[in-house]
């Protein structure tokens, strides 16, 4: 299964907040090639920026993400399409379209307001309960 992972899932791990355990389990599943993970390039930038604000050295973590996930960038088509989606959160729109055009089967996001279109959006806890339990 190919899954798109939103920035906030990675931040839950760095900041040890919210759905930390489920987010970490998803990261490990992708790292161990149980699932194919996709992440937006801007997510790495945002993780680095936020981590710097809380004085966390993030280079090793970003390197692990880069080695384990397919890092996908937005092109002109994605940006144009994101601007016309009926949702005010352009960052979510861009990530949603990256997942859609990248043929991901679901999006893992802990943002309850994440744009909902043709791809199922699951919180990390729901994804872990559904796909990572024995």
N, C-alpha and C. Protein backbone atom coordinates (compact mmCIF):
# COMPACT_ATOMS: atom_id res chain seq x y z
N UNK A 1 0.85 -1.18 0.00
CA UNK A 1 0.00 0.00 0.00
C UNK A 1 0.89 1.24 0.00
N UNK A 2 0.51 2.21 -0.81
CA UNK A 2 1.24 3.46 -0.92
C UNK A 2 0.48 4.52 -0.12
N UNK A 3 1.17 5.12 0.87
CA UNK A 3 0.52 6.09 1.75
C UNK A 3 1.26 7.42 1.70
N UNK A 4 0.48 8.49 1.74
CA UNK A 4 1.04 9.83 1.82
C UNK A 4 0.98 10.26 3.28
N UNK A 5 2.09 10.74 3.82
CA UNK A 5 2.15 11.11 5.24
C UNK A 5 2.31 12.62 5.36
N UNK A 6 1.38 13.23 6.09
CA UNK A 6 1.34 14.67 6.31
C UNK A 6 2.43 15.09 7.30
N UNK A 7 2.84 16.33 7.21
CA UNK A 7 3.88 16.91 8.05
C UNK A 7 3.63 16.67 9.54
N UNK A 8 2.38 16.83 9.97
CA UNK A 8 2.09 16.76 11.40
C UNK A 8 2.38 15.40 12.01
N UNK A 9 2.35 14.35 11.21
CA UNK A 9 2.67 13.01 11.72
C UNK A 9 4.14 12.96 12.11
N UNK A 10 4.99 13.53 11.29
CA UNK A 10 6.43 13.58 11.59
C UNK A 10 6.70 14.49 12.80
N UNK A 11 5.97 15.58 12.87
CA UNK A 11 6.14 16.50 14.01
C UNK A 11 5.70 15.87 15.32
N UNK A 12 4.69 15.00 15.27
CA UNK A 12 4.28 14.29 16.49
C UNK A 12 5.44 13.48 17.05
N UNK A 13 6.25 12.93 16.16
CA UNK A 13 7.41 12.14 16.60
C UNK A 13 8.47 13.06 17.19
N UNK A 14 8.81 14.13 16.48
CA UNK A 14 9.85 15.05 16.94
C UNK A 14 9.48 15.67 18.28
N UNK A 15 8.24 16.11 18.38
CA UNK A 15 7.81 16.86 19.56
C UNK A 15 7.20 15.96 20.65
N UNK A 16 7.13 14.66 20.34
CA UNK A 16 6.55 13.68 21.28
C UNK A 16 5.20 14.16 21.80
N UNK A 17 4.31 14.42 20.86
CA UNK A 17 3.01 14.95 21.20
C UNK A 17 1.91 14.08 20.61
N UNK A 18 0.69 14.29 21.03
CA UNK A 18 -0.49 13.70 20.43
C UNK A 18 -0.38 12.21 20.19
N UNK A 19 -0.45 11.83 18.95
CA UNK A 19 -0.44 10.42 18.54
C UNK A 19 0.98 9.93 18.29
N UNK A 20 1.87 10.27 19.18
CA UNK A 20 3.30 9.93 19.05
C UNK A 20 3.52 8.45 18.75
N UNK A 21 2.95 7.55 19.55
CA UNK A 21 3.20 6.11 19.40
C UNK A 21 2.72 5.61 18.04
N UNK A 22 1.53 6.02 17.63
CA UNK A 22 1.00 5.59 16.34
C UNK A 22 1.82 6.17 15.19
N UNK A 23 2.20 7.44 15.32
CA UNK A 23 3.01 8.08 14.28
C UNK A 23 4.37 7.38 14.14
N UNK A 24 4.98 7.05 15.27
CA UNK A 24 6.26 6.34 15.24
C UNK A 24 6.11 4.96 14.62
N UNK A 25 5.02 4.27 14.92
CA UNK A 25 4.77 2.93 14.34
C UNK A 25 4.63 3.02 12.82
N UNK A 26 3.98 4.07 12.34
CA UNK A 26 3.83 4.26 10.88
C UNK A 26 5.19 4.54 10.25
N UNK A 27 5.97 5.42 10.89
CA UNK A 27 7.31 5.71 10.38
C UNK A 27 8.13 4.43 10.28
N UNK A 28 8.09 3.61 11.32
CA UNK A 28 8.86 2.36 11.32
C UNK A 28 8.35 1.40 10.26
N UNK A 29 7.04 1.35 10.03
CA UNK A 29 6.49 0.46 9.01
C UNK A 29 6.97 0.86 7.62
N UNK A 30 7.04 2.16 7.36
CA UNK A 30 7.55 2.63 6.07
C UNK A 30 9.05 2.35 5.98
N UNK A 31 9.77 2.64 7.06
CA UNK A 31 11.21 2.40 7.08
C UNK A 31 11.53 0.93 6.81
N UNK A 32 10.68 0.03 7.33
CA UNK A 32 10.87 -1.41 7.15
C UNK A 32 10.21 -1.94 5.88
N UNK A 33 9.74 -1.02 5.04
CA UNK A 33 9.16 -1.35 3.73
C UNK A 33 7.87 -2.18 3.80
N UNK A 34 7.15 -2.05 4.92
CA UNK A 34 5.83 -2.67 5.02
C UNK A 34 4.86 -1.91 4.11
N UNK A 35 5.03 -0.59 4.07
CA UNK A 35 4.25 0.29 3.21
C UNK A 35 5.20 1.20 2.46
N UNK A 36 4.75 1.68 1.30
CA UNK A 36 5.52 2.67 0.56
C UNK A 36 5.05 4.04 1.02
N UNK A 37 5.94 4.83 1.58
CA UNK A 37 5.58 6.14 2.09
C UNK A 37 5.99 7.26 1.16
N UNK A 38 5.13 8.26 1.07
CA UNK A 38 5.39 9.44 0.26
C UNK A 38 5.24 10.66 1.17
N UNK A 39 6.11 11.63 1.00
CA UNK A 39 6.07 12.86 1.79
C UNK A 39 6.36 14.03 0.86
N UNK A 40 5.76 15.17 1.16
CA UNK A 40 6.01 16.38 0.37
C UNK A 40 7.37 16.97 0.73
N UNK A 41 8.06 17.48 -0.27
CA UNK A 41 9.36 18.11 -0.01
C UNK A 41 9.22 19.25 0.99
N UNK A 42 8.15 20.00 0.91
CA UNK A 42 7.95 21.12 1.83
C UNK A 42 7.79 20.64 3.27
N UNK A 43 7.38 19.40 3.46
CA UNK A 43 7.25 18.86 4.81
C UNK A 43 8.61 18.83 5.50
N UNK A 44 9.65 18.45 4.77
CA UNK A 44 10.99 18.42 5.35
C UNK A 44 11.44 19.82 5.76
N UNK A 45 11.12 20.79 4.93
CA UNK A 45 11.47 22.18 5.24
C UNK A 45 10.71 22.63 6.50
N UNK A 46 9.42 22.32 6.56
CA UNK A 46 8.62 22.72 7.71
C UNK A 46 9.06 22.02 8.99
N UNK A 47 9.41 20.75 8.90
CA UNK A 47 9.91 20.01 10.07
C UNK A 47 11.20 20.65 10.57
N UNK A 48 12.10 20.98 9.65
CA UNK A 48 13.36 21.61 10.04
C UNK A 48 13.11 22.97 10.69
N UNK A 49 12.24 23.75 10.12
CA UNK A 49 11.94 25.08 10.64
C UNK A 49 11.35 25.00 12.05
N UNK A 50 10.34 24.17 12.23
CA UNK A 50 9.68 24.06 13.53
C UNK A 50 10.64 23.47 14.57
N UNK A 51 11.44 22.50 14.18
CA UNK A 51 12.38 21.88 15.11
C UNK A 51 13.43 22.87 15.58
N UNK A 52 13.83 23.75 14.69
CA UNK A 52 14.82 24.78 15.07
C UNK A 52 14.24 25.71 16.13
N UNK A 53 12.96 25.97 16.03
CA UNK A 53 12.30 26.85 16.99
C UNK A 53 12.30 26.26 18.40
N UNK A 54 12.35 24.92 18.50
CA UNK A 54 12.34 24.26 19.82
C UNK A 54 13.70 23.65 20.14
N UNK A 55 14.72 24.11 19.42
CA UNK A 55 16.12 23.69 19.67
C UNK A 55 16.34 22.18 19.58
N UNK A 56 15.83 21.58 18.53
CA UNK A 56 16.05 20.15 18.29
C UNK A 56 16.92 20.02 17.04
N UNK A 57 18.01 19.25 17.13
CA UNK A 57 18.85 18.98 15.95
C UNK A 57 18.16 17.89 15.15
N UNK A 58 17.76 18.22 13.97
CA UNK A 58 16.86 17.38 13.21
C UNK A 58 17.50 16.69 12.01
N UNK A 59 18.76 16.92 11.76
CA UNK A 59 19.40 16.40 10.53
C UNK A 59 19.32 14.88 10.40
N UNK A 60 19.58 14.16 11.46
CA UNK A 60 19.53 12.69 11.38
C UNK A 60 18.11 12.20 11.09
N UNK A 61 17.12 12.85 11.70
CA UNK A 61 15.72 12.49 11.46
C UNK A 61 15.32 12.78 10.02
N UNK A 62 15.69 13.96 9.51
CA UNK A 62 15.38 14.29 8.12
C UNK A 62 16.05 13.33 7.16
N UNK A 63 17.26 12.93 7.49
CA UNK A 63 17.97 11.95 6.67
C UNK A 63 17.25 10.62 6.67
N UNK A 64 16.74 10.21 7.81
CA UNK A 64 15.98 8.95 7.90
C UNK A 64 14.69 9.03 7.08
N UNK A 65 14.04 10.18 7.12
CA UNK A 65 12.83 10.37 6.30
C UNK A 65 13.20 10.26 4.83
N UNK A 66 14.24 10.96 4.44
CA UNK A 66 14.65 10.97 3.03
C UNK A 66 15.02 9.57 2.53
N UNK A 67 15.64 8.77 3.37
CA UNK A 67 16.02 7.40 2.97
C UNK A 67 14.83 6.46 2.93
N UNK A 68 13.80 6.72 3.73
CA UNK A 68 12.69 5.79 3.87
C UNK A 68 11.48 6.14 3.01
N UNK A 69 11.28 7.41 2.71
CA UNK A 69 10.10 7.88 1.99
C UNK A 69 10.48 8.41 0.62
N UNK A 70 9.53 8.35 -0.30
CA UNK A 70 9.67 9.04 -1.58
C UNK A 70 9.33 10.50 -1.29
N UNK A 71 10.26 11.39 -1.60
CA UNK A 71 10.03 12.82 -1.40
C UNK A 71 9.53 13.40 -2.71
N UNK A 72 8.33 13.96 -2.66
CA UNK A 72 7.68 14.44 -3.87
C UNK A 72 7.54 15.96 -3.83
N UNK A 73 7.80 16.59 -4.96
CA UNK A 73 7.65 18.04 -5.07
C UNK A 73 6.43 18.42 -5.89
N UNK A 74 5.97 19.62 -5.66
CA UNK A 74 4.83 20.14 -6.41
C UNK A 74 5.31 20.77 -7.71
N UNK A 75 4.53 20.57 -8.76
CA UNK A 75 4.84 21.21 -10.03
C UNK A 75 3.76 22.26 -10.32
N UNK A 76 3.85 22.90 -11.47
CA UNK A 76 2.89 23.95 -11.81
C UNK A 76 1.46 23.45 -11.84
N UNK A 77 1.25 22.26 -12.35
CA UNK A 77 -0.10 21.70 -12.41
C UNK A 77 -0.69 21.53 -11.02
N UNK A 78 0.11 20.99 -10.10
CA UNK A 78 -0.38 20.79 -8.74
C UNK A 78 -0.70 22.14 -8.09
N UNK A 79 0.15 23.12 -8.27
CA UNK A 79 -0.10 24.44 -7.69
C UNK A 79 -1.37 25.05 -8.28
N UNK A 80 -1.51 25.00 -9.60
CA UNK A 80 -2.70 25.55 -10.24
C UNK A 80 -3.96 24.86 -9.74
N UNK A 81 -3.93 23.54 -9.67
CA UNK A 81 -5.10 22.78 -9.21
C UNK A 81 -5.39 23.03 -7.73
N UNK A 82 -4.33 23.21 -6.94
CA UNK A 82 -4.52 23.47 -5.50
C UNK A 82 -5.23 24.80 -5.27
N UNK A 83 -4.96 25.77 -6.13
CA UNK A 83 -5.56 27.09 -5.96
C UNK A 83 -7.05 27.11 -6.27
N UNK A 84 -7.54 26.10 -7.00
CA UNK A 84 -8.96 26.10 -7.33
C UNK A 84 -9.78 25.08 -6.54
N UNK A 85 -9.12 24.29 -5.69
CA UNK A 85 -9.88 23.38 -4.83
C UNK A 85 -10.73 24.21 -3.86
N UNK A 86 -11.90 23.70 -3.50
CA UNK A 86 -12.78 24.45 -2.59
C UNK A 86 -12.35 24.32 -1.13
N UNK A 87 -11.14 24.76 -0.82
CA UNK A 87 -10.58 24.67 0.53
C UNK A 87 -9.57 25.81 0.68
N UNK A 88 -9.60 26.48 1.81
CA UNK A 88 -8.72 27.63 2.02
C UNK A 88 -7.30 27.26 2.41
N UNK A 89 -7.04 26.02 2.83
CA UNK A 89 -5.70 25.62 3.26
C UNK A 89 -4.90 25.13 2.05
N UNK A 90 -4.15 26.03 1.45
CA UNK A 90 -3.42 25.72 0.22
C UNK A 90 -2.39 24.63 0.46
N UNK A 91 -1.73 24.64 1.62
CA UNK A 91 -0.75 23.59 1.91
C UNK A 91 -1.40 22.20 1.89
N UNK A 92 -2.57 22.08 2.53
CA UNK A 92 -3.29 20.81 2.49
C UNK A 92 -3.70 20.45 1.07
N UNK A 93 -4.16 21.43 0.32
CA UNK A 93 -4.55 21.18 -1.07
C UNK A 93 -3.39 20.62 -1.88
N UNK A 94 -2.21 21.22 -1.71
CA UNK A 94 -1.03 20.77 -2.44
C UNK A 94 -0.67 19.34 -2.03
N UNK A 95 -0.68 19.07 -0.74
CA UNK A 95 -0.35 17.72 -0.28
C UNK A 95 -1.41 16.71 -0.77
N UNK A 96 -2.68 17.10 -0.72
CA UNK A 96 -3.74 16.22 -1.21
C UNK A 96 -3.50 15.87 -2.69
N UNK A 97 -3.20 16.87 -3.49
CA UNK A 97 -2.99 16.63 -4.92
C UNK A 97 -1.73 15.82 -5.19
N UNK A 98 -0.68 16.01 -4.38
CA UNK A 98 0.50 15.17 -4.52
C UNK A 98 0.13 13.71 -4.28
N UNK A 99 -0.69 13.48 -3.27
CA UNK A 99 -1.13 12.11 -2.97
C UNK A 99 -2.01 11.56 -4.09
N UNK A 100 -2.92 12.38 -4.58
CA UNK A 100 -3.83 11.94 -5.65
C UNK A 100 -3.05 11.63 -6.93
N UNK A 101 -2.24 12.57 -7.38
CA UNK A 101 -1.49 12.38 -8.62
C UNK A 101 -0.39 11.32 -8.46
N UNK A 102 0.06 11.11 -7.22
CA UNK A 102 1.05 10.08 -6.94
C UNK A 102 0.44 8.71 -6.70
N UNK A 103 -0.88 8.62 -6.87
CA UNK A 103 -1.62 7.36 -6.75
C UNK A 103 -1.47 6.70 -5.38
N UNK A 104 -1.49 7.52 -4.34
CA UNK A 104 -1.47 6.99 -2.98
C UNK A 104 -2.86 6.47 -2.63
N UNK A 105 -2.89 5.44 -1.82
CA UNK A 105 -4.17 4.83 -1.45
C UNK A 105 -4.82 5.52 -0.26
N UNK A 106 -4.03 6.18 0.56
CA UNK A 106 -4.60 6.95 1.65
C UNK A 106 -3.62 8.02 2.09
N UNK A 107 -4.16 8.98 2.84
CA UNK A 107 -3.36 10.04 3.43
C UNK A 107 -3.42 9.86 4.94
N UNK A 108 -2.26 9.89 5.58
CA UNK A 108 -2.22 9.84 7.03
C UNK A 108 -1.94 11.26 7.52
N UNK A 109 -2.91 11.81 8.24
CA UNK A 109 -2.79 13.17 8.76
C UNK A 109 -3.50 13.26 10.11
N UNK A 110 -2.88 13.97 11.04
CA UNK A 110 -3.52 14.21 12.33
C UNK A 110 -4.20 15.57 12.38
N UNK A 111 -4.36 16.16 11.22
CA UNK A 111 -5.10 17.41 11.07
C UNK A 111 -6.55 17.04 10.76
N UNK A 112 -7.41 17.19 11.74
CA UNK A 112 -8.81 16.79 11.57
C UNK A 112 -9.52 17.59 10.47
N UNK A 113 -8.97 18.74 10.11
CA UNK A 113 -9.56 19.55 9.06
C UNK A 113 -8.90 19.35 7.70
N UNK A 114 -8.07 18.30 7.56
CA UNK A 114 -7.37 18.07 6.29
C UNK A 114 -8.41 17.90 5.18
N UNK A 115 -8.11 18.44 4.02
CA UNK A 115 -9.03 18.38 2.87
C UNK A 115 -9.42 16.94 2.56
N UNK A 116 -10.71 16.73 2.37
CA UNK A 116 -11.23 15.40 2.06
C UNK A 116 -11.76 15.41 0.63
N UNK A 117 -11.13 14.59 -0.19
CA UNK A 117 -11.55 14.48 -1.59
C UNK A 117 -11.79 13.03 -1.91
N UNK A 118 -11.09 12.53 -2.91
CA UNK A 118 -11.26 11.15 -3.37
C UNK A 118 -10.35 10.15 -2.68
N UNK A 119 -9.49 10.60 -1.78
CA UNK A 119 -8.57 9.71 -1.07
C UNK A 119 -8.96 9.69 0.39
N UNK A 120 -8.99 8.51 0.98
CA UNK A 120 -9.31 8.39 2.40
C UNK A 120 -8.22 9.06 3.23
N UNK A 121 -8.63 9.85 4.21
CA UNK A 121 -7.71 10.51 5.14
C UNK A 121 -7.91 9.87 6.50
N UNK A 122 -6.82 9.33 7.06
CA UNK A 122 -6.88 8.65 8.35
C UNK A 122 -5.91 9.30 9.32
N UNK A 123 -6.32 9.45 10.57
CA UNK A 123 -5.39 9.85 11.61
C UNK A 123 -4.39 8.74 11.83
N UNK A 124 -3.23 9.07 12.38
CA UNK A 124 -2.22 8.03 12.58
C UNK A 124 -2.72 6.94 13.52
N UNK A 125 -3.53 7.30 14.51
CA UNK A 125 -4.06 6.28 15.42
C UNK A 125 -5.01 5.33 14.70
N UNK A 126 -5.85 5.86 13.82
CA UNK A 126 -6.78 5.02 13.06
C UNK A 126 -6.01 4.13 12.08
N UNK A 127 -5.03 4.71 11.39
CA UNK A 127 -4.22 3.92 10.46
C UNK A 127 -3.52 2.79 11.19
N UNK A 128 -2.90 3.11 12.33
CA UNK A 128 -2.18 2.08 13.11
C UNK A 128 -3.13 1.00 13.59
N UNK A 129 -4.29 1.38 14.08
CA UNK A 129 -5.27 0.38 14.54
C UNK A 129 -5.73 -0.52 13.40
N UNK A 130 -5.94 0.08 12.24
CA UNK A 130 -6.46 -0.67 11.10
C UNK A 130 -5.41 -1.52 10.40
N UNK A 131 -4.19 -1.00 10.27
CA UNK A 131 -3.21 -1.66 9.42
C UNK A 131 -1.94 -2.17 10.13
N UNK A 132 -1.74 -1.79 11.38
CA UNK A 132 -0.49 -2.18 12.04
C UNK A 132 -0.68 -3.09 13.25
N UNK A 133 -1.90 -3.49 13.51
CA UNK A 133 -2.12 -4.41 14.63
C UNK A 133 -2.10 -5.85 14.13
N UNK A 134 -1.71 -6.73 15.01
CA UNK A 134 -1.61 -8.16 14.64
C UNK A 134 -2.96 -8.82 14.59
